[in-house]
């Protein structure tokens, strides 16, 4: 059995309320009508549950329909509001619709009442379903974001663990093997000179393998990021980028070398910076990159500008721009954003802005300019970077 439609009726004529109820019953619509005349009673009934629709006269002795409409829009904005009145000019009717009324029916044309109520209830149900769908979509999006955060955290933890094992365990094993071979490589009685040469060759190959191990460990998780912080990591990455590609990379910082950022912010900035440099070498055809890291009110901003061919809107929104989307999503997970702008043959600028989220320790800011060195890593950083 269907539940009755709960109607709040603002009407000073009890006979009309009974007539309306009879019309609803004859039309096959089960209703439960609560009739009120005064403002205080109307407000009280608005707070009661449940309520499916409001029918209101336009003029009452102590209250009026427009005031009732205003109260209903504030207290029960999702409930349809219909005027059922004796007289209402066209201009007045239009004004009531502008102020939020669902419809109006003249008492001289009550045959329209039942269809109007049906339509109002149907539209209200559709709106409620759309709101639920939007809410579910929002909740699903938040769940996906939470999952993405978790996956990134797990991935970074795994990278850190693997990098440590590769560097420490495999690196130590190779170093021990190199020492053993080095001892064998010294001229010894009864050992052919050709063997000594082969041993020295093996030592050289082990050195190359150790360098490869350190490079792989650094690519997995640069130890400099954890040991010396974001500024040093960005300077090291810029220098390494210049050494590998020959593209001049200049870094300017206006933050302390230890800006007091959380591990999540450090990682997000560094990974986005890495992806930005990867995009530059793949697509920009640039000869110079300028990087600026600065601290603004409540935010840290990283700006990367190249002098390449310039990105277009089609490049930004294209199906192949997964790297850019990943950068934006990583920033959005921390409440930040990534702005991308470019002009043909005038280069591209990518600005990453992330909120601090908490007060960082106060340290004296300074400006430091670092130019990449084409023939080697930054002094004092290479050993830590490979950790």
Protein backbone atom coordinates (compact mmCIF):
# COMPACT_ATOMS: atom_id res chain seq x y z
CA UNK A 1 0.00 0.00 0.00
CA UNK A 2 1.42 3.39 -1.03
CA UNK A 3 2.18 5.93 1.65
CA UNK A 4 -0.13 8.96 1.65
CA UNK A 5 1.15 12.26 0.25
CA UNK A 6 1.79 14.62 3.16
CA UNK A 7 0.36 18.03 2.31
CA UNK A 8 0.74 21.21 4.33
CA UNK A 9 -2.10 23.54 3.36
CA UNK A 10 -2.08 27.22 4.26
CA UNK A 11 -5.79 27.97 3.89
CA UNK A 12 -8.34 29.85 6.01
CA UNK A 13 -11.39 28.03 4.55
CA UNK A 14 -11.85 24.57 6.05
CA UNK A 15 -14.49 23.72 3.41
CA UNK A 16 -12.00 24.24 0.60
CA UNK A 17 -9.50 21.95 2.31
CA UNK A 18 -12.16 19.23 2.51
CA UNK A 19 -13.03 19.76 -1.16
CA UNK A 20 -9.39 19.46 -2.18
CA UNK A 21 -8.98 16.26 -0.16
CA UNK A 22 -12.06 14.79 -1.86
CA UNK A 23 -10.67 15.66 -5.29
CA UNK A 24 -7.40 13.95 -4.47
CA UNK A 25 -9.17 10.80 -3.29
CA UNK A 26 -11.34 10.70 -6.39
CA UNK A 27 -8.18 11.04 -8.47
CA UNK A 28 -6.63 8.03 -6.74
CA UNK A 29 -4.12 10.03 -4.74
CA UNK A 30 -3.94 9.18 -1.04
CA UNK A 31 -3.21 12.31 0.97
CA UNK A 32 -2.77 13.43 4.55
CA UNK A 33 -3.57 17.14 4.77
CA UNK A 34 -2.51 19.39 7.67
CA UNK A 35 -4.32 22.74 7.36
CA UNK A 36 -3.06 25.88 9.10
CA UNK A 37 -4.04 29.56 8.99
CA UNK A 38 -1.53 31.42 11.17
CA UNK A 39 2.16 32.08 10.67
CA UNK A 40 3.20 30.38 13.93
CA UNK A 41 1.34 27.20 13.00
CA UNK A 42 2.83 27.27 9.50
CA UNK A 43 6.37 27.54 10.88
CA UNK A 44 5.73 24.70 13.32
CA UNK A 45 4.42 22.44 10.56
CA UNK A 46 7.41 23.21 8.35
CA UNK A 47 9.61 21.58 10.97
CA UNK A 48 7.56 18.40 11.10
CA UNK A 49 8.44 15.30 9.13
CA UNK A 50 7.48 14.13 6.63
CA UNK A 51 6.33 16.84 4.20
CA UNK A 52 5.88 16.26 0.46
CA UNK A 53 4.17 19.39 -0.87
CA UNK A 54 2.86 22.79 0.27
CA UNK A 55 -0.41 24.29 -1.01
CA UNK A 56 -0.97 27.91 -0.08
CA UNK A 57 -3.59 30.55 -0.57
CA UNK A 58 -2.22 33.88 -1.71
CA UNK A 59 -4.14 36.15 0.67
CA UNK A 60 -5.13 35.32 4.25
CA UNK A 61 -6.51 37.52 7.02
CA UNK A 62 -3.35 37.41 9.19
CA UNK A 63 -0.72 36.01 6.84
CA UNK A 64 0.12 36.08 3.14
CA UNK A 65 1.37 33.56 0.62
CA UNK A 66 4.56 35.40 -0.40
CA UNK A 67 5.77 35.48 3.21
CA UNK A 68 4.93 31.77 3.49
CA UNK A 69 6.87 31.10 0.28
CA UNK A 70 9.92 32.91 1.66
CA UNK A 71 9.78 30.84 4.87
CA UNK A 72 9.38 27.61 2.91
CA UNK A 73 12.36 28.41 0.63
CA UNK A 74 14.53 28.82 3.71
CA UNK A 75 13.27 25.92 5.82
CA UNK A 76 12.15 23.36 3.22
CA UNK A 77 13.73 24.37 -0.12
CA UNK A 78 13.25 20.93 -1.65
CA UNK A 79 9.49 20.76 -1.03
CA UNK A 80 7.27 21.91 -3.95
CA UNK A 81 5.21 25.03 -3.22
CA UNK A 82 1.95 25.61 -5.12
CA UNK A 83 -0.32 28.61 -4.84
CA UNK A 84 -4.02 27.70 -4.87
CA UNK A 85 -5.91 30.96 -4.76
CA UNK A 86 -9.08 32.68 -5.84
CA UNK A 87 -7.56 35.51 -7.83
CA UNK A 88 -4.05 36.13 -9.09
CA UNK A 89 -3.07 38.44 -11.89
CA UNK A 90 -0.57 37.36 -14.51
CA UNK A 91 2.13 39.71 -13.26
CA UNK A 92 1.70 38.47 -9.69
CA UNK A 93 1.78 34.85 -10.85
CA UNK A 94 5.04 35.44 -12.73
CA UNK A 95 6.55 37.13 -9.69
CA UNK A 96 5.68 34.17 -7.44
CA UNK A 97 7.35 31.79 -9.89
CA UNK A 98 10.45 33.97 -9.93
CA UNK A 99 10.58 33.84 -6.14
CA UNK A 100 10.55 30.04 -6.13
CA UNK A 101 6.94 28.88 -6.37
CA UNK A 102 6.52 25.64 -8.29
CA UNK A 103 3.16 26.48 -9.89
CA UNK A 104 -0.16 28.20 -9.25
CA UNK A 105 -3.77 27.03 -9.65
CA UNK A 106 -6.85 29.23 -9.55
CA UNK A 107 -9.72 27.99 -7.41
CA UNK A 108 -11.99 28.68 -10.37
CA UNK A 109 -10.04 26.02 -12.35
CA UNK A 110 -9.55 23.27 -9.76
CA UNK A 111 -9.41 20.63 -12.49
CA UNK A 112 -5.75 21.69 -12.84
CA UNK A 113 -4.97 20.97 -9.20
CA UNK A 114 -4.45 17.22 -9.40
CA UNK A 115 -2.25 17.31 -12.57
CA UNK A 116 -0.21 20.17 -11.09
CA UNK A 117 0.37 18.25 -7.86
CA UNK A 118 1.35 15.12 -9.78
CA UNK A 119 3.81 17.10 -11.90
CA UNK A 120 5.29 18.90 -8.90
CA UNK A 121 5.82 15.65 -7.00
CA UNK A 122 7.37 13.97 -10.04
CA UNK A 123 9.77 16.85 -10.63
CA UNK A 124 10.69 16.92 -6.94
CA UNK A 125 11.45 13.21 -7.04
CA UNK A 126 13.62 13.67 -10.14
CA UNK A 127 15.55 16.48 -8.45
CA UNK A 128 16.06 14.33 -5.37
CA UNK A 129 17.36 11.47 -7.52
CA UNK A 130 19.75 13.82 -9.31
CA UNK A 131 21.03 15.11 -5.97
CA UNK A 132 21.57 11.57 -4.77
CA UNK A 133 23.40 10.72 -7.99
CA UNK A 134 25.61 13.81 -7.64
CA UNK A 135 26.30 12.96 -4.01
CA UNK A 136 27.18 9.39 -4.89
CA UNK A 137 29.44 10.61 -7.66
CA UNK A 138 31.12 13.00 -5.24
CA UNK A 139 31.59 10.24 -2.68
CA UNK A 140 33.00 7.92 -5.33
CA UNK A 141 35.39 10.64 -6.46
CA UNK A 142 36.55 11.21 -2.89
CA UNK A 143 37.04 7.47 -2.42
CA UNK A 144 39.09 7.31 -5.62
CA UNK A 145 41.19 10.21 -4.43
CA UNK A 146 41.74 8.54 -1.08
CA UNK A 147 42.74 5.37 -2.90
CA UNK A 148 45.11 7.36 -5.09
CA UNK A 149 46.72 8.94 -2.02
CA UNK A 150 47.11 5.51 -0.47
CA UNK A 151 48.62 4.05 -3.64
CA UNK A 152 51.09 6.91 -3.97
CA UNK A 153 52.10 6.52 -0.34
CA UNK A 154 52.55 2.79 -0.73
CA UNK A 155 54.50 3.30 -3.96
CA UNK A 156 56.84 5.83 -2.39
CA UNK A 157 57.38 3.60 0.65
CA UNK A 158 58.13 0.66 -1.62
CA UNK A 159 60.51 2.73 -3.73
CA UNK A 160 62.31 3.85 -0.57
CA UNK A 161 62.59 0.28 0.69
CA UNK A 162 63.84 -1.09 -2.62
CA UNK A 163 66.27 1.80 -3.10
CA UNK A 164 67.72 1.19 0.37
CA UNK A 165 68.08 -2.54 -0.25
CA UNK A 166 69.58 -2.05 -3.70
CA UNK A 167 72.06 0.55 -2.44
CA UNK A 168 72.98 -1.05 0.88
CA UNK A 169 72.79 -4.79 0.28
CA UNK A 170 73.70 -5.05 -3.39
CA UNK A 171 76.14 -2.14 -3.18
CA UNK A 172 77.91 -3.62 -0.17
CA UNK A 173 78.11 -7.03 -1.82
CA UNK A 174 79.65 -5.54 -4.95
CA UNK A 175 82.08 -3.46 -2.91
CA UNK A 176 83.19 -6.55 -1.01
CA UNK A 177 83.67 -8.44 -4.29
CA UNK A 178 85.70 -5.55 -5.67
CA UNK A 179 88.00 -5.57 -2.62
CA UNK A 180 88.58 -9.30 -2.93
CA UNK A 181 89.40 -9.01 -6.62
CA UNK A 182 91.65 -6.02 -5.95
CA UNK A 183 93.72 -8.09 -3.55
CA UNK A 184 94.01 -10.81 -6.17
CA UNK A 185 94.99 -8.24 -8.77
CA UNK A 186 98.37 -7.45 -7.16
CA UNK A 187 101.30 -9.29 -8.77
CA UNK A 188 101.89 -12.57 -6.92
CA UNK A 189 104.44 -15.32 -7.40
CA UNK A 190 103.16 -18.01 -9.71
CA UNK A 191 100.19 -15.99 -11.00
CA UNK A 192 100.40 -15.26 -14.74
CA UNK A 193 100.39 -11.55 -15.66
CA UNK A 194 97.45 -12.16 -17.99
CA UNK A 195 95.33 -13.19 -15.00
CA UNK A 196 96.25 -10.00 -13.21
CA UNK A 197 95.05 -7.97 -16.19
CA UNK A 198 91.76 -9.85 -16.30
CA UNK A 199 91.24 -9.26 -12.61
CA UNK A 200 91.78 -5.51 -13.05
CA UNK A 201 89.27 -5.57 -15.91
CA UNK A 202 86.73 -7.28 -13.66
CA UNK A 203 87.33 -4.65 -10.97
CA UNK A 204 86.56 -1.95 -13.55
CA UNK A 205 83.35 -3.72 -14.56
CA UNK A 206 82.31 -3.98 -10.92
CA UNK A 207 82.89 -0.23 -10.54
CA UNK A 208 80.55 0.34 -13.49
CA UNK A 209 77.94 -1.96 -11.92
CA UNK A 210 78.22 -0.08 -8.59
CA UNK A 211 77.57 3.21 -10.41
CA UNK A 212 74.56 1.64 -12.10
CA UNK A 213 73.25 0.38 -8.77
CA UNK A 214 73.60 3.85 -7.26
CA UNK A 215 71.84 5.42 -10.24
CA UNK A 216 68.94 2.95 -10.00
CA UNK A 217 68.64 3.52 -6.25
CA UNK A 218 68.65 7.28 -6.80
CA UNK A 219 65.97 7.10 -9.47
CA UNK A 220 63.80 5.01 -7.16
CA UNK A 221 64.11 7.45 -4.27
CA UNK A 222 66.85 10.09 -4.06
CA UNK A 223 68.26 10.02 -0.56
CA UNK A 224 69.03 13.72 -0.80
CA UNK A 225 65.29 14.46 -0.61
CA UNK A 226 65.04 12.78 2.80
CA UNK A 227 68.44 13.89 4.08
CA UNK A 228 68.78 17.49 2.91
CA UNK A 229 65.24 18.48 1.92
CA UNK A 230 63.38 19.80 -1.08
CA UNK A 231 65.66 22.68 -2.08
CA UNK A 232 68.77 20.52 -2.24
CA UNK A 233 66.86 17.77 -4.07
CA UNK A 234 65.58 20.18 -6.72
CA UNK A 235 69.06 21.66 -7.20
CA UNK A 236 70.54 18.20 -7.53
CA UNK A 237 67.84 17.06 -9.97
CA UNK A 238 68.33 20.20 -12.09
CA UNK A 239 72.08 19.62 -12.18
CA UNK A 240 71.60 15.95 -13.08
CA UNK A 241 69.12 16.94 -15.81
CA UNK A 242 71.64 19.37 -17.29
CA UNK A 243 74.43 16.81 -17.13
CA UNK A 244 72.36 14.21 -18.96
CA UNK A 245 70.71 16.44 -21.59
CA UNK A 246 72.98 19.45 -22.08
CA UNK A 247 70.00 21.77 -21.49
CA UNK A 248 71.02 24.63 -19.21
CA UNK A 249 68.97 24.52 -16.01
CA UNK A 250 69.03 27.43 -13.55
CA UNK A 251 67.45 27.16 -10.10
CA UNK A 252 66.56 30.14 -7.92
CA UNK A 253 65.10 29.64 -4.47
CA UNK A 254 63.44 32.05 -2.05
CA UNK A 255 62.84 29.56 0.73
CA UNK A 256 65.06 28.16 3.49
CA UNK A 257 67.09 25.12 2.56
CA UNK A 258 64.96 23.31 5.14
CA UNK A 259 61.53 24.99 4.63
CA UNK A 260 59.81 22.71 7.12
CA UNK A 261 57.54 20.99 4.60
CA UNK A 262 55.89 17.68 5.31
CA UNK A 263 57.19 14.51 3.68
CA UNK A 264 54.06 14.43 1.48
CA UNK A 265 54.68 17.96 0.18
CA UNK A 266 58.36 17.27 -0.42
CA UNK A 267 57.57 14.13 -2.39
CA UNK A 268 54.76 15.76 -4.37
CA UNK A 269 56.89 18.74 -5.38
CA UNK A 270 59.85 16.58 -6.31
CA UNK A 271 57.84 14.07 -8.37
CA UNK A 272 55.97 16.82 -10.22
CA UNK A 273 59.31 18.55 -10.91
CA UNK A 274 60.73 15.29 -12.28
CA UNK A 275 57.71 14.85 -14.56
CA UNK A 276 58.04 18.46 -15.73
CA UNK A 277 61.68 17.93 -16.72
CA UNK A 278 60.74 14.70 -18.47
CA UNK A 279 58.09 16.53 -20.52
CA UNK A 280 60.60 19.25 -21.41
CA UNK A 281 63.14 16.83 -22.80
CA UNK A 282 60.50 14.85 -24.66
CA UNK A 283 58.42 17.64 -26.17
CA UNK A 284 59.76 21.15 -25.63
CA UNK A 285 62.97 21.18 -27.73
CA UNK A 286 64.31 23.74 -25.26
CA UNK A 287 67.86 24.94 -24.65
CA UNK A 288 67.27 26.60 -21.28
CA UNK A 289 65.10 25.93 -18.24
CA UNK A 290 64.56 28.36 -15.35
CA UNK A 291 63.27 27.07 -12.03
CA UNK A 292 62.06 29.24 -9.17
CA UNK A 293 60.96 27.96 -5.77
CA UNK A 294 59.33 30.52 -3.51
CA UNK A 295 57.18 30.75 -0.42
CA UNK A 296 53.98 32.78 -0.42
CA UNK A 297 51.33 33.26 2.24
CA UNK A 298 50.41 29.77 3.34
CA UNK A 299 51.75 28.18 0.14
CA UNK A 300 54.92 27.02 -1.56
CA UNK A 301 55.16 27.70 -5.30
CA UNK A 302 57.46 26.07 -7.85
CA UNK A 303 57.66 27.67 -11.30
CA UNK A 304 59.40 25.92 -14.19
CA UNK A 305 59.85 27.90 -17.42
CA UNK A 306 61.50 26.71 -20.64
CA UNK A 307 62.28 28.47 -23.92
CA UNK A 308 61.02 25.66 -26.12
CA UNK A 309 58.34 25.39 -28.78
CA UNK A 310 55.51 26.25 -26.37
CA UNK A 311 52.60 24.09 -25.30
CA UNK A 312 49.15 24.54 -26.86
CA UNK A 313 45.66 24.05 -25.44
CA UNK A 314 45.35 20.95 -27.61
CA UNK A 315 48.51 19.55 -26.00
CA UNK A 316 47.17 20.28 -22.52
CA UNK A 317 43.75 18.69 -23.06
CA UNK A 318 44.77 15.98 -25.50
CA UNK A 319 44.36 12.27 -24.85
CA UNK A 320 48.13 11.86 -24.73
CA UNK A 321 48.62 14.36 -21.88
CA UNK A 322 48.50 11.74 -19.14
CA UNK A 323 51.66 13.13 -17.55
CA UNK A 324 50.09 16.56 -17.13
CA UNK A 325 46.93 15.04 -15.72
CA UNK A 326 48.98 13.02 -13.26
CA UNK A 327 50.77 16.17 -12.11
CA UNK A 328 47.50 17.98 -11.58
CA UNK A 329 45.95 15.06 -9.73
CA UNK A 330 48.96 14.69 -7.45
CA UNK A 331 48.76 18.39 -6.58
CA UNK A 332 44.98 18.29 -6.13
CA UNK A 333 45.29 15.45 -3.63
CA UNK A 334 47.14 17.89 -1.35
CA UNK A 335 44.81 20.81 -2.01
CA UNK A 336 47.09 22.42 -4.59
CA UNK A 337 46.98 23.09 -8.29
CA UNK A 338 49.14 23.05 -11.41
CA UNK A 339 48.81 25.91 -13.91
CA UNK A 340 50.16 25.40 -17.44
CA UNK A 341 50.54 28.14 -19.99
CA UNK A 342 52.53 28.49 -23.18
CA UNK A 343 52.84 30.36 -26.45
CA UNK A 344 54.08 29.00 -29.77
CA UNK A 345 57.87 29.40 -30.05
CA UNK A 346 57.95 31.32 -26.74
CA UNK A 347 58.18 28.44 -24.30
CA UNK A 348 56.04 26.95 -21.57
CA UNK A 349 55.60 27.85 -17.91
CA UNK A 350 54.34 25.34 -15.35
CA UNK A 351 53.45 26.65 -11.89
CA UNK A 352 52.90 24.22 -9.03
CA UNK A 353 51.28 25.66 -5.91
CA UNK A 354 50.70 23.60 -2.76
CA UNK A 355 49.37 24.76 0.62
CA UNK A 356 51.61 24.37 3.60
CA UNK A 357 48.77 22.99 5.71
CA UNK A 358 50.58 23.93 8.88
CA UNK A 359 52.95 26.60 10.13
CA UNK A 360 56.47 25.83 9.08
CA UNK A 361 59.39 26.59 11.43
CA UNK A 362 60.52 30.19 11.04
CA UNK A 363 63.86 30.42 9.31
CA UNK A 364 65.54 33.30 7.57
CA UNK A 365 64.75 33.15 3.86
CA UNK A 366 67.44 33.91 1.36
CA UNK A 367 67.88 33.96 -2.37
CA UNK A 368 70.19 31.36 -3.77
CA UNK A 369 71.04 30.97 -7.44
CA UNK A 370 72.32 27.60 -8.60
CA UNK A 371 73.52 26.93 -12.10
CA UNK A 372 73.81 23.35 -13.23
CA UNK A 373 77.29 22.03 -13.90
CA UNK A 374 77.50 20.22 -17.25
CA UNK A 375 80.43 18.04 -16.23
CA UNK A 376 79.38 16.64 -12.87
CA UNK A 377 76.97 16.63 -9.98
CA UNK A 378 76.73 19.34 -7.38
CA UNK A 379 79.69 19.14 -4.95
CA UNK A 380 78.86 17.43 -1.73
CA UNK A 381 75.52 16.11 -2.98
CA UNK A 382 76.46 13.25 -5.23
CA UNK A 383 77.27 10.84 -2.44
CA UNK A 384 74.02 11.54 -0.60
CA UNK A 385 71.99 11.44 -3.79
CA UNK A 386 73.08 7.89 -4.39
CA UNK A 387 72.19 6.69 -0.94
